[in-house]
């Protein structure tokens, strides 16, 4: 059964990259990155976000919380019509 971070390996291989390539992206040693893929090291929240941005996917996809590979849309300011209206009697 695939582990939580098996998708890290799948994403890396889908992009024809080596562990040392992704280690450079994260500014960590190759051994450290290898530990992320084999689940012998904890992946920090910051590194998880950085990888999601690098692969243009979501952290949920990497963590296998969804099978949707595409990234979520960027946050946009939501306009709330009622929020800025003045209440008049």
N, C-alpha and C. Protein backbone atom coordinates (compact mmCIF):
# COMPACT_ATOMS: atom_id res chain seq x y z
N UNK A 1 0.84 -1.18 0.00
CA UNK A 1 0.00 0.00 0.00
C UNK A 1 0.88 1.25 0.00
N UNK A 2 0.49 2.23 -0.78
CA UNK A 2 1.26 3.47 -0.85
C UNK A 2 1.15 4.23 0.46
N UNK A 3 2.27 4.85 0.84
CA UNK A 3 2.27 5.70 2.02
C UNK A 3 1.80 7.11 1.68
N UNK A 4 1.69 7.93 2.69
CA UNK A 4 1.20 9.29 2.50
C UNK A 4 2.03 10.10 1.52
N UNK A 5 3.34 9.86 1.51
CA UNK A 5 4.20 10.67 0.66
C UNK A 5 4.68 9.93 -0.58
N UNK A 6 4.04 8.83 -0.93
CA UNK A 6 4.39 8.13 -2.15
C UNK A 6 4.16 9.04 -3.35
N UNK A 7 3.23 9.95 -3.24
CA UNK A 7 2.98 10.87 -4.35
C UNK A 7 4.16 11.78 -4.62
N UNK A 8 4.98 12.02 -3.62
CA UNK A 8 6.18 12.81 -3.85
C UNK A 8 7.06 12.13 -4.90
N UNK A 9 7.22 10.84 -4.75
CA UNK A 9 8.02 10.09 -5.71
C UNK A 9 7.34 10.08 -7.07
N UNK A 10 6.03 9.86 -7.09
CA UNK A 10 5.29 9.83 -8.36
C UNK A 10 5.40 11.16 -9.08
N UNK A 11 5.22 12.27 -8.37
CA UNK A 11 5.33 13.59 -8.98
C UNK A 11 6.74 13.84 -9.51
N UNK A 12 7.72 13.49 -8.72
CA UNK A 12 9.11 13.69 -9.14
C UNK A 12 9.41 12.90 -10.41
N UNK A 13 9.01 11.64 -10.43
CA UNK A 13 9.27 10.80 -11.59
C UNK A 13 8.47 11.25 -12.81
N UNK A 14 7.24 11.74 -12.58
CA UNK A 14 6.43 12.27 -13.69
C UNK A 14 7.11 13.45 -14.37
N UNK A 15 7.93 14.18 -13.61
CA UNK A 15 8.65 15.34 -14.15
C UNK A 15 10.08 15.00 -14.55
N UNK A 16 10.39 13.70 -14.57
CA UNK A 16 11.74 13.22 -14.93
C UNK A 16 12.84 13.90 -14.13
N UNK A 17 12.62 13.99 -12.83
CA UNK A 17 13.59 14.62 -11.94
C UNK A 17 14.18 13.58 -10.98
N UNK A 18 15.35 13.89 -10.50
CA UNK A 18 16.02 13.04 -9.51
C UNK A 18 15.79 13.62 -8.12
N UNK A 19 16.03 12.79 -7.11
CA UNK A 19 15.89 13.27 -5.74
C UNK A 19 16.79 14.46 -5.48
N UNK A 20 17.99 14.46 -6.04
CA UNK A 20 18.92 15.57 -5.81
C UNK A 20 18.37 16.87 -6.41
N UNK A 21 17.59 16.77 -7.49
CA UNK A 21 16.99 17.96 -8.10
C UNK A 21 15.96 18.60 -7.17
N UNK A 22 15.13 17.78 -6.57
CA UNK A 22 14.10 18.30 -5.67
C UNK A 22 14.73 18.75 -4.36
N UNK A 23 15.78 18.08 -3.94
CA UNK A 23 16.50 18.50 -2.73
C UNK A 23 17.03 19.92 -2.92
N UNK A 24 17.50 20.24 -4.11
CA UNK A 24 17.99 21.60 -4.39
C UNK A 24 16.85 22.61 -4.33
N UNK A 25 15.69 22.23 -4.84
CA UNK A 25 14.52 23.12 -4.80
C UNK A 25 14.17 23.45 -3.35
N UNK A 26 14.25 22.46 -2.48
CA UNK A 26 13.90 22.64 -1.07
C UNK A 26 15.08 23.14 -0.22
N UNK A 27 16.26 23.17 -0.84
CA UNK A 27 17.47 23.58 -0.13
C UNK A 27 17.76 22.65 1.05
N UNK A 28 17.66 21.35 0.77
CA UNK A 28 17.99 20.33 1.77
C UNK A 28 18.93 19.32 1.12
N UNK A 29 19.54 18.48 1.94
CA UNK A 29 20.41 17.43 1.42
C UNK A 29 19.57 16.37 0.70
N UNK A 30 20.18 15.69 -0.26
CA UNK A 30 19.48 14.62 -0.98
C UNK A 30 18.99 13.56 0.00
N UNK A 31 19.80 13.26 0.99
CA UNK A 31 19.42 12.25 1.99
C UNK A 31 18.17 12.67 2.75
N UNK A 32 18.06 13.96 3.04
CA UNK A 32 16.88 14.47 3.74
C UNK A 32 15.65 14.30 2.86
N UNK A 33 15.77 14.69 1.59
CA UNK A 33 14.63 14.54 0.69
C UNK A 33 14.25 13.07 0.52
N UNK A 34 15.24 12.22 0.41
CA UNK A 34 14.97 10.78 0.30
C UNK A 34 14.15 10.30 1.49
N UNK A 35 14.46 10.84 2.66
CA UNK A 35 13.70 10.49 3.87
C UNK A 35 12.25 10.92 3.79
N UNK A 36 11.98 12.02 3.07
CA UNK A 36 10.59 12.45 2.89
C UNK A 36 9.83 11.41 2.07
N UNK A 37 10.46 10.95 1.00
CA UNK A 37 9.79 9.98 0.13
C UNK A 37 9.59 8.63 0.81
N UNK A 38 10.52 8.25 1.65
CA UNK A 38 10.42 6.95 2.32
C UNK A 38 9.74 7.04 3.68
N UNK A 39 9.31 8.26 4.02
CA UNK A 39 8.60 8.51 5.27
C UNK A 39 9.42 8.21 6.51
N UNK A 40 10.74 8.39 6.41
CA UNK A 40 11.60 8.25 7.58
C UNK A 40 11.94 9.61 8.17
N UNK A 41 11.52 10.67 7.48
CA UNK A 41 11.70 12.05 7.96
C UNK A 41 10.39 12.79 7.81
N UNK A 42 10.15 13.73 8.70
CA UNK A 42 8.95 14.56 8.63
C UNK A 42 9.16 15.66 7.60
N UNK A 43 8.15 15.89 6.80
CA UNK A 43 8.16 16.98 5.83
C UNK A 43 7.50 18.18 6.49
N UNK A 44 8.21 19.30 6.53
CA UNK A 44 7.65 20.49 7.18
C UNK A 44 6.50 21.06 6.34
N UNK A 45 5.66 21.81 7.01
CA UNK A 45 4.54 22.46 6.32
C UNK A 45 5.06 23.36 5.21
N UNK A 46 6.14 24.09 5.48
CA UNK A 46 6.71 25.00 4.50
C UNK A 46 7.21 24.25 3.27
N UNK A 47 7.87 23.12 3.49
CA UNK A 47 8.37 22.31 2.37
C UNK A 47 7.22 21.70 1.57
N UNK A 48 6.19 21.28 2.27
CA UNK A 48 5.01 20.73 1.60
C UNK A 48 4.39 21.77 0.67
N UNK A 49 4.25 22.99 1.16
CA UNK A 49 3.69 24.07 0.35
C UNK A 49 4.60 24.39 -0.83
N UNK A 50 5.90 24.41 -0.56
CA UNK A 50 6.87 24.69 -1.63
C UNK A 50 6.79 23.63 -2.73
N UNK A 51 6.65 22.38 -2.35
CA UNK A 51 6.53 21.31 -3.35
C UNK A 51 5.23 21.41 -4.13
N UNK A 52 4.16 21.74 -3.45
CA UNK A 52 2.88 21.89 -4.14
C UNK A 52 2.97 23.00 -5.19
N UNK A 53 3.60 24.10 -4.83
CA UNK A 53 3.78 25.20 -5.79
C UNK A 53 4.69 24.78 -6.93
N UNK A 54 5.76 24.08 -6.62
CA UNK A 54 6.71 23.64 -7.64
C UNK A 54 6.04 22.73 -8.66
N UNK A 55 5.22 21.80 -8.19
CA UNK A 55 4.55 20.85 -9.07
C UNK A 55 3.20 21.37 -9.59
N UNK A 56 2.81 22.56 -9.16
CA UNK A 56 1.53 23.14 -9.55
C UNK A 56 0.37 22.21 -9.21
N UNK A 57 0.38 21.77 -7.98
CA UNK A 57 -0.67 20.90 -7.47
C UNK A 57 -1.05 21.40 -6.08
N UNK A 58 -1.91 20.68 -5.41
CA UNK A 58 -2.32 21.10 -4.06
C UNK A 58 -1.62 20.24 -3.01
N UNK A 59 -1.54 20.78 -1.82
CA UNK A 59 -1.01 19.99 -0.72
C UNK A 59 -1.92 18.80 -0.44
N UNK A 60 -3.21 18.98 -0.65
CA UNK A 60 -4.16 17.88 -0.46
C UNK A 60 -3.85 16.72 -1.40
N UNK A 61 -3.44 17.03 -2.62
CA UNK A 61 -3.09 15.96 -3.57
C UNK A 61 -1.85 15.22 -3.08
N UNK A 62 -0.84 15.96 -2.65
CA UNK A 62 0.39 15.32 -2.16
C UNK A 62 0.09 14.44 -0.95
N UNK A 63 -0.81 14.89 -0.08
CA UNK A 63 -1.15 14.15 1.13
C UNK A 63 -2.21 13.07 0.89
N UNK A 64 -2.62 12.90 -0.37
CA UNK A 64 -3.62 11.91 -0.78
C UNK A 64 -4.98 12.15 -0.13
N UNK A 65 -5.30 13.42 0.07
CA UNK A 65 -6.63 13.76 0.58
C UNK A 65 -7.61 13.98 -0.58
N UNK A 66 -7.06 14.07 -1.79
CA UNK A 66 -7.86 14.20 -3.00
C UNK A 66 -7.10 13.54 -4.14
N UNK A 67 -7.82 13.17 -5.16
CA UNK A 67 -7.19 12.63 -6.36
C UNK A 67 -7.15 13.65 -7.49
N UNK A 68 -7.57 14.87 -7.19
CA UNK A 68 -7.54 15.95 -8.17
C UNK A 68 -6.14 16.54 -8.16
N UNK A 69 -5.47 16.40 -9.30
CA UNK A 69 -4.06 16.77 -9.37
C UNK A 69 -3.84 18.27 -9.56
N UNK A 70 -4.80 18.96 -10.13
CA UNK A 70 -4.61 20.38 -10.42
C UNK A 70 -4.64 21.20 -9.13
N UNK A 71 -3.91 22.29 -9.16
CA UNK A 71 -3.85 23.18 -7.99
C UNK A 71 -5.17 23.90 -7.81
N UNK A 72 -5.42 24.32 -6.59
CA UNK A 72 -6.59 25.13 -6.31
C UNK A 72 -6.39 26.51 -6.92
N UNK A 73 -7.47 27.19 -7.26
CA UNK A 73 -7.31 28.56 -7.77
C UNK A 73 -6.68 29.45 -6.70
N UNK A 74 -5.95 30.45 -7.15
CA UNK A 74 -5.34 31.40 -6.22
C UNK A 74 -6.43 32.16 -5.49
N UNK A 75 -6.13 32.56 -4.26
CA UNK A 75 -7.10 33.34 -3.47
C UNK A 75 -7.39 34.65 -4.17
N UNK A 76 -8.63 34.99 -4.21
CA UNK A 76 -9.05 36.26 -4.77
C UNK A 76 -9.85 36.97 -3.71
N UNK A 77 -9.77 38.28 -3.77
CA UNK A 77 -10.56 39.05 -2.81
C UNK A 77 -12.02 38.82 -3.09
N UNK A 78 -12.73 38.43 -2.08
CA UNK A 78 -14.16 38.19 -2.24
C UNK A 78 -14.89 39.49 -1.98
N UNK A 79 -15.77 39.77 -2.87
CA UNK A 79 -16.55 40.98 -2.70
C UNK A 79 -17.86 40.61 -2.01
N UNK A 80 -18.06 41.24 -0.92
CA UNK A 80 -19.30 41.04 -0.18
C UNK A 80 -20.08 42.34 -0.23
N UNK A 81 -21.13 42.31 -0.98
CA UNK A 81 -21.92 43.52 -1.19
C UNK A 81 -22.47 44.07 0.12
N UNK A 82 -22.86 43.19 0.98
CA UNK A 82 -23.49 43.63 2.24
C UNK A 82 -22.46 44.07 3.27
N UNK A 83 -21.24 43.67 3.10
CA UNK A 83 -20.22 43.94 4.10
C UNK A 83 -19.88 45.44 4.18
N UNK A 84 -19.83 46.09 3.06
CA UNK A 84 -19.44 47.49 3.03
C UNK A 84 -20.63 48.45 2.93
N UNK A 85 -21.82 47.93 2.90
CA UNK A 85 -23.01 48.79 2.82
C UNK A 85 -23.29 49.41 4.17
N UNK A 86 -23.68 50.66 4.11
CA UNK A 86 -24.12 51.33 5.33
C UNK A 86 -25.59 51.03 5.53
N UNK A 87 -25.91 50.76 6.75
CA UNK A 87 -27.31 50.46 7.07
C UNK A 87 -28.03 51.79 7.25
N UNK A 88 -29.09 51.97 6.50
CA UNK A 88 -29.90 53.18 6.62
C UNK A 88 -31.31 52.80 7.03
N UNK A 89 -31.91 53.60 7.83
CA UNK A 89 -33.29 53.36 8.27
C UNK A 89 -34.26 54.17 7.49
